[in-house]
């Protein structure tokens, strides 16, 4: 474990607990987030070839545009992927009402306790 992480946790009074390897039951919240990303975000994008060409015998759509085959938005660079993911988190994920908290993330963070 990184010594800076240990110092930060100690300073904030956080006890860092690692889950057992290969036991997703101990990581429910992050596993749920990964499932949400996979089902809602990744299903909306298509990783396109970095250079003009074809994917499965058809023309690659222009970057950032909907794929005519209906498989999502074509992504050609890591920067595009990061920008789309950041936008998805801010516009979709943070405004979604989550079942455990009965409120969305933005409201929960901005409202005083």
N, C-alpha and C. Protein backbone atom coordinates (compact mmCIF):
# COMPACT_ATOMS: atom_id res chain seq x y z
N UNK A 1 0.85 -1.18 0.00
CA UNK A 1 0.00 0.00 0.00
C UNK A 1 0.90 1.23 0.00
N UNK A 2 0.49 2.24 -0.71
CA UNK A 2 1.24 3.48 -0.83
C UNK A 2 1.27 4.22 0.51
N UNK A 3 2.43 4.71 0.87
CA UNK A 3 2.57 5.39 2.17
C UNK A 3 1.77 6.69 2.23
N UNK A 4 1.61 7.37 1.10
CA UNK A 4 0.83 8.62 1.12
C UNK A 4 -0.65 8.32 1.39
N UNK A 5 -1.16 7.21 0.85
CA UNK A 5 -2.55 6.82 1.14
C UNK A 5 -2.72 6.51 2.62
N UNK A 6 -1.76 5.83 3.20
CA UNK A 6 -1.80 5.50 4.63
C UNK A 6 -1.82 6.77 5.46
N UNK A 7 -0.96 7.75 5.12
CA UNK A 7 -0.92 9.02 5.86
C UNK A 7 -2.22 9.80 5.74
N UNK A 8 -2.76 9.86 4.53
CA UNK A 8 -4.01 10.60 4.32
C UNK A 8 -5.15 9.97 5.11
N UNK A 9 -5.25 8.65 5.05
CA UNK A 9 -6.30 7.96 5.81
C UNK A 9 -6.15 8.21 7.31
N UNK A 10 -4.91 8.15 7.81
CA UNK A 10 -4.67 8.39 9.23
C UNK A 10 -5.06 9.82 9.60
N UNK A 11 -4.71 10.77 8.76
CA UNK A 11 -5.02 12.17 9.03
C UNK A 11 -6.53 12.42 9.05
N UNK A 12 -7.26 11.72 8.20
CA UNK A 12 -8.71 11.89 8.13
C UNK A 12 -9.48 10.97 9.07
N UNK A 13 -8.76 10.10 9.79
CA UNK A 13 -9.41 9.18 10.71
C UNK A 13 -10.14 8.05 10.01
N UNK A 14 -9.64 7.67 8.84
CA UNK A 14 -10.26 6.60 8.05
C UNK A 14 -9.48 5.32 8.23
N UNK A 15 -10.18 4.25 8.49
CA UNK A 15 -9.55 2.94 8.58
C UNK A 15 -9.71 2.24 7.24
N UNK A 16 -8.62 2.01 6.56
CA UNK A 16 -8.65 1.40 5.23
C UNK A 16 -8.72 -0.11 5.37
N UNK A 17 -9.75 -0.71 4.81
CA UNK A 17 -9.96 -2.15 4.89
C UNK A 17 -10.00 -2.70 3.47
N UNK A 18 -9.17 -3.69 3.21
CA UNK A 18 -9.16 -4.32 1.89
C UNK A 18 -10.07 -5.54 1.90
N UNK A 19 -10.79 -5.73 0.83
CA UNK A 19 -11.64 -6.91 0.73
C UNK A 19 -10.82 -8.11 0.27
N UNK A 20 -11.37 -9.29 0.46
CA UNK A 20 -10.69 -10.50 0.05
C UNK A 20 -10.67 -10.58 -1.48
N UNK A 21 -9.54 -11.01 -2.05
CA UNK A 21 -9.48 -11.16 -3.51
C UNK A 21 -10.52 -12.17 -4.01
N UNK A 22 -11.07 -11.88 -5.17
CA UNK A 22 -12.03 -12.75 -5.85
C UNK A 22 -13.32 -12.97 -5.06
N UNK A 23 -13.68 -12.01 -4.20
CA UNK A 23 -14.94 -12.07 -3.47
C UNK A 23 -15.70 -10.78 -3.71
N UNK A 24 -16.47 -10.70 -4.81
CA UNK A 24 -17.19 -9.47 -5.10
C UNK A 24 -18.25 -9.11 -4.06
N UNK A 25 -18.65 -10.08 -3.21
CA UNK A 25 -19.65 -9.80 -2.19
C UNK A 25 -19.15 -8.74 -1.22
N UNK A 26 -17.85 -8.61 -1.04
CA UNK A 26 -17.28 -7.61 -0.15
C UNK A 26 -17.11 -6.25 -0.79
N UNK A 27 -17.47 -6.14 -2.06
CA UNK A 27 -17.30 -4.88 -2.79
C UNK A 27 -18.59 -4.48 -3.49
N UNK A 28 -19.68 -4.62 -2.82
CA UNK A 28 -20.99 -4.40 -3.44
C UNK A 28 -21.18 -3.06 -4.11
N UNK A 29 -20.78 -1.98 -3.46
CA UNK A 29 -21.03 -0.65 -4.02
C UNK A 29 -20.24 -0.42 -5.30
N UNK A 30 -18.95 -0.79 -5.30
CA UNK A 30 -18.15 -0.55 -6.51
C UNK A 30 -18.55 -1.52 -7.61
N UNK A 31 -18.91 -2.76 -7.25
CA UNK A 31 -19.36 -3.71 -8.26
C UNK A 31 -20.66 -3.22 -8.90
N UNK A 32 -21.55 -2.63 -8.12
CA UNK A 32 -22.80 -2.07 -8.65
C UNK A 32 -22.50 -0.92 -9.60
N UNK A 33 -21.53 -0.07 -9.24
CA UNK A 33 -21.13 1.04 -10.12
C UNK A 33 -20.57 0.49 -11.44
N UNK A 34 -19.69 -0.52 -11.37
CA UNK A 34 -19.13 -1.11 -12.58
C UNK A 34 -20.24 -1.68 -13.46
N UNK A 35 -21.23 -2.32 -12.85
CA UNK A 35 -22.35 -2.87 -13.60
C UNK A 35 -23.14 -1.75 -14.28
N UNK A 36 -23.36 -0.65 -13.58
CA UNK A 36 -24.08 0.48 -14.15
C UNK A 36 -23.31 1.08 -15.31
N UNK A 37 -22.00 1.25 -15.16
CA UNK A 37 -21.16 1.78 -16.24
C UNK A 37 -21.25 0.86 -17.45
N UNK A 38 -21.15 -0.43 -17.23
CA UNK A 38 -21.20 -1.39 -18.33
C UNK A 38 -22.54 -1.35 -19.05
N UNK A 39 -23.63 -1.36 -18.30
CA UNK A 39 -24.95 -1.44 -18.92
C UNK A 39 -25.45 -0.11 -19.48
N UNK A 40 -25.07 1.01 -18.88
CA UNK A 40 -25.61 2.29 -19.32
C UNK A 40 -24.63 3.11 -20.16
N UNK A 41 -23.36 3.12 -19.81
CA UNK A 41 -22.40 3.96 -20.54
C UNK A 41 -21.75 3.20 -21.69
N UNK A 42 -21.17 2.05 -21.41
CA UNK A 42 -20.45 1.33 -22.45
C UNK A 42 -21.36 0.85 -23.58
N UNK A 43 -22.62 0.64 -23.28
CA UNK A 43 -23.54 0.22 -24.33
C UNK A 43 -23.84 1.34 -25.31
N UNK A 44 -23.49 2.58 -24.96
CA UNK A 44 -23.76 3.73 -25.81
C UNK A 44 -22.58 4.12 -26.71
N UNK A 45 -21.44 3.46 -26.57
CA UNK A 45 -20.28 3.84 -27.36
C UNK A 45 -19.76 2.67 -28.19
N UNK A 46 -19.01 3.01 -29.22
CA UNK A 46 -18.33 2.03 -30.06
C UNK A 46 -16.88 2.47 -30.16
N UNK A 47 -15.97 1.54 -29.93
CA UNK A 47 -14.57 1.86 -30.08
C UNK A 47 -14.23 1.71 -31.55
N UNK A 48 -13.89 2.82 -32.19
CA UNK A 48 -13.58 2.82 -33.61
C UNK A 48 -12.08 2.66 -33.82
N UNK A 49 -11.71 2.23 -35.01
CA UNK A 49 -10.29 2.13 -35.34
C UNK A 49 -9.69 3.53 -35.33
N UNK A 50 -8.43 3.69 -34.86
CA UNK A 50 -7.83 5.01 -34.79
C UNK A 50 -7.59 5.65 -36.15
N UNK A 51 -7.42 4.85 -37.19
CA UNK A 51 -7.23 5.41 -38.53
C UNK A 51 -8.43 5.07 -39.38
N UNK A 52 -8.67 5.87 -40.43
CA UNK A 52 -9.82 5.56 -41.28
C UNK A 52 -9.72 4.14 -41.81
N UNK A 53 -10.85 3.45 -41.83
CA UNK A 53 -10.85 2.07 -42.28
C UNK A 53 -12.21 1.47 -42.10
N UNK A 54 -12.24 0.19 -41.87
CA UNK A 54 -13.52 -0.48 -41.69
C UNK A 54 -13.51 -1.29 -40.41
N UNK A 55 -14.70 -1.47 -39.87
CA UNK A 55 -14.92 -2.36 -38.74
C UNK A 55 -15.96 -3.36 -39.23
N UNK A 56 -15.62 -4.58 -39.20
CA UNK A 56 -16.48 -5.67 -39.69
C UNK A 56 -17.02 -5.37 -41.09
N UNK A 57 -16.15 -4.88 -41.98
CA UNK A 57 -16.52 -4.68 -43.37
C UNK A 57 -17.34 -3.45 -43.67
N UNK A 58 -17.50 -2.51 -42.73
CA UNK A 58 -18.25 -1.29 -43.01
C UNK A 58 -17.40 -0.07 -42.66
N UNK A 59 -17.76 1.06 -43.19
CA UNK A 59 -17.00 2.28 -42.95
C UNK A 59 -17.10 2.66 -41.47
N UNK A 60 -15.98 3.14 -40.92
CA UNK A 60 -15.95 3.60 -39.53
C UNK A 60 -16.64 4.96 -39.46
N UNK A 61 -17.61 5.15 -38.55
CA UNK A 61 -18.25 6.46 -38.43
C UNK A 61 -17.28 7.49 -37.89
N UNK A 62 -17.56 8.76 -38.16
CA UNK A 62 -16.72 9.84 -37.65
C UNK A 62 -16.75 9.84 -36.13
N UNK A 63 -15.64 10.21 -35.54
CA UNK A 63 -15.53 10.22 -34.08
C UNK A 63 -16.58 11.13 -33.46
N UNK A 64 -17.19 10.66 -32.38
CA UNK A 64 -18.16 11.46 -31.65
C UNK A 64 -19.54 11.50 -32.26
N UNK A 65 -19.76 10.74 -33.34
CA UNK A 65 -21.07 10.74 -33.98
C UNK A 65 -21.75 9.39 -33.77
N UNK A 66 -23.08 9.38 -33.81
CA UNK A 66 -23.77 8.11 -33.65
C UNK A 66 -23.41 7.15 -34.78
N UNK A 67 -23.23 5.91 -34.45
CA UNK A 67 -22.90 4.88 -35.42
C UNK A 67 -24.17 4.53 -36.18
N UNK A 68 -24.15 4.55 -37.52
CA UNK A 68 -25.36 4.25 -38.28
C UNK A 68 -25.90 2.84 -38.03
N UNK A 69 -25.05 1.93 -37.59
CA UNK A 69 -25.51 0.57 -37.30
C UNK A 69 -26.22 0.51 -35.96
N UNK A 70 -26.27 1.63 -35.24
CA UNK A 70 -26.99 1.69 -33.98
C UNK A 70 -26.23 1.13 -32.80
N UNK A 71 -24.91 1.00 -32.92
CA UNK A 71 -24.14 0.42 -31.82
C UNK A 71 -23.57 1.46 -30.89
N UNK A 72 -23.81 2.73 -31.11
CA UNK A 72 -23.36 3.76 -30.19
C UNK A 72 -22.52 4.83 -30.86
N UNK A 73 -21.92 5.68 -30.04
CA UNK A 73 -21.07 6.76 -30.50
C UNK A 73 -19.66 6.25 -30.73
N UNK A 74 -19.08 6.58 -31.88
CA UNK A 74 -17.74 6.11 -32.22
C UNK A 74 -16.69 6.89 -31.44
N UNK A 75 -15.76 6.19 -30.84
CA UNK A 75 -14.67 6.78 -30.06
C UNK A 75 -13.36 6.37 -30.71
N UNK A 76 -12.46 7.34 -30.96
CA UNK A 76 -11.18 7.01 -31.56
C UNK A 76 -9.99 7.33 -30.67
N UNK A 77 -10.19 8.15 -29.62
CA UNK A 77 -9.07 8.50 -28.75
C UNK A 77 -9.46 8.34 -27.28
N UNK A 78 -8.46 8.21 -26.44
CA UNK A 78 -8.69 8.12 -25.00
C UNK A 78 -9.28 9.43 -24.48
N UNK A 79 -8.87 10.55 -25.05
CA UNK A 79 -9.41 11.86 -24.62
C UNK A 79 -10.91 11.94 -24.88
N UNK A 80 -11.36 11.42 -26.03
CA UNK A 80 -12.79 11.41 -26.32
C UNK A 80 -13.54 10.53 -25.33
N UNK A 81 -12.97 9.36 -25.04
CA UNK A 81 -13.60 8.45 -24.09
C UNK A 81 -13.70 9.11 -22.71
N UNK A 82 -12.62 9.74 -22.25
CA UNK A 82 -12.64 10.40 -20.94
C UNK A 82 -13.66 11.53 -20.90
N UNK A 83 -13.75 12.31 -21.98
CA UNK A 83 -14.71 13.42 -22.02
C UNK A 83 -16.14 12.89 -21.99
N UNK A 84 -16.42 11.86 -22.77
CA UNK A 84 -17.77 11.29 -22.76
C UNK A 84 -18.11 10.66 -21.42
N UNK A 85 -17.15 9.98 -20.80
CA UNK A 85 -17.40 9.36 -19.49
C UNK A 85 -17.67 10.43 -18.43
N UNK A 86 -16.85 11.48 -18.42
CA UNK A 86 -17.05 12.58 -17.46
C UNK A 86 -18.43 13.20 -17.65
N UNK A 87 -18.81 13.44 -18.89
CA UNK A 87 -20.13 14.01 -19.17
C UNK A 87 -21.24 13.06 -18.71
N UNK A 88 -21.09 11.77 -18.97
CA UNK A 88 -22.09 10.79 -18.56
C UNK A 88 -22.24 10.78 -17.04
N UNK A 89 -21.12 10.80 -16.32
CA UNK A 89 -21.19 10.80 -14.85
C UNK A 89 -21.92 12.03 -14.36
N UNK A 90 -21.58 13.21 -14.90
CA UNK A 90 -22.19 14.46 -14.43
C UNK A 90 -23.65 14.61 -14.84
N UNK A 91 -23.98 14.22 -16.06
CA UNK A 91 -25.32 14.46 -16.59
C UNK A 91 -26.29 13.32 -16.26
N UNK A 92 -25.81 12.09 -16.29
CA UNK A 92 -26.71 10.95 -16.09
C UNK A 92 -26.55 10.35 -14.70
N UNK A 93 -25.35 9.87 -14.38
CA UNK A 93 -25.17 9.10 -13.15
C UNK A 93 -25.42 9.92 -11.89
N UNK A 94 -24.88 11.11 -11.81
CA UNK A 94 -25.05 11.92 -10.60
C UNK A 94 -26.46 12.46 -10.44
N UNK A 95 -27.24 12.45 -11.48
CA UNK A 95 -28.62 12.94 -11.39
C UNK A 95 -29.64 11.81 -11.25
N UNK A 96 -29.16 10.57 -11.27
CA UNK A 96 -30.04 9.42 -11.13
C UNK A 96 -30.39 9.22 -9.65
N UNK A 97 -31.63 8.92 -9.37
CA UNK A 97 -32.03 8.63 -8.00
C UNK A 97 -31.60 7.20 -7.69
N UNK A 98 -30.73 7.06 -6.72
CA UNK A 98 -30.19 5.76 -6.36
C UNK A 98 -31.07 5.12 -5.29
N UNK A 99 -31.26 3.83 -5.40
CA UNK A 99 -32.20 3.13 -4.53
C UNK A 99 -31.81 3.14 -3.06
N UNK A 100 -30.52 3.05 -2.75
CA UNK A 100 -30.13 2.96 -1.35
C UNK A 100 -30.30 4.30 -0.63
N UNK A 101 -30.06 5.41 -1.30
CA UNK A 101 -30.14 6.70 -0.64
C UNK A 101 -31.44 7.43 -0.86
N UNK A 102 -32.27 6.94 -1.79
CA UNK A 102 -33.55 7.56 -2.13
C UNK A 102 -33.37 9.01 -2.61
N UNK A 103 -32.18 9.38 -3.04
CA UNK A 103 -31.93 10.71 -3.58
C UNK A 103 -30.81 10.59 -4.60
N UNK A 104 -30.64 11.62 -5.41
CA UNK A 104 -29.54 11.54 -6.36
C UNK A 104 -28.27 12.08 -5.72
N UNK A 105 -27.14 11.76 -6.29
CA UNK A 105 -25.84 12.09 -5.71
C UNK A 105 -25.65 13.60 -5.60
N UNK A 106 -26.04 14.35 -6.62
CA UNK A 106 -25.84 15.80 -6.61
C UNK A 106 -26.62 16.45 -5.47
N UNK A 107 -27.87 16.07 -5.28
CA UNK A 107 -28.70 16.61 -4.21
C UNK A 107 -28.10 16.25 -2.85
N UNK A 108 -27.66 15.01 -2.69
CA UNK A 108 -27.10 14.56 -1.42
C UNK A 108 -25.85 15.33 -1.05
N UNK A 109 -25.01 15.63 -2.01
CA UNK A 109 -23.77 16.35 -1.75
C UNK A 109 -24.03 17.82 -1.47
N UNK A 110 -24.99 18.42 -2.18
CA UNK A 110 -25.23 19.84 -2.06
C UNK A 110 -26.14 20.23 -0.89
N UNK A 111 -26.92 19.30 -0.37
CA UNK A 111 -27.85 19.65 0.71
C UNK A 111 -27.15 19.57 2.06
N UNK A 112 -27.42 20.55 2.95
CA UNK A 112 -26.83 20.51 4.28
C UNK A 112 -27.45 19.40 5.12
N UNK A 113 -26.66 18.84 6.02
CA UNK A 113 -27.16 17.74 6.87
C UNK A 113 -27.96 18.26 8.02
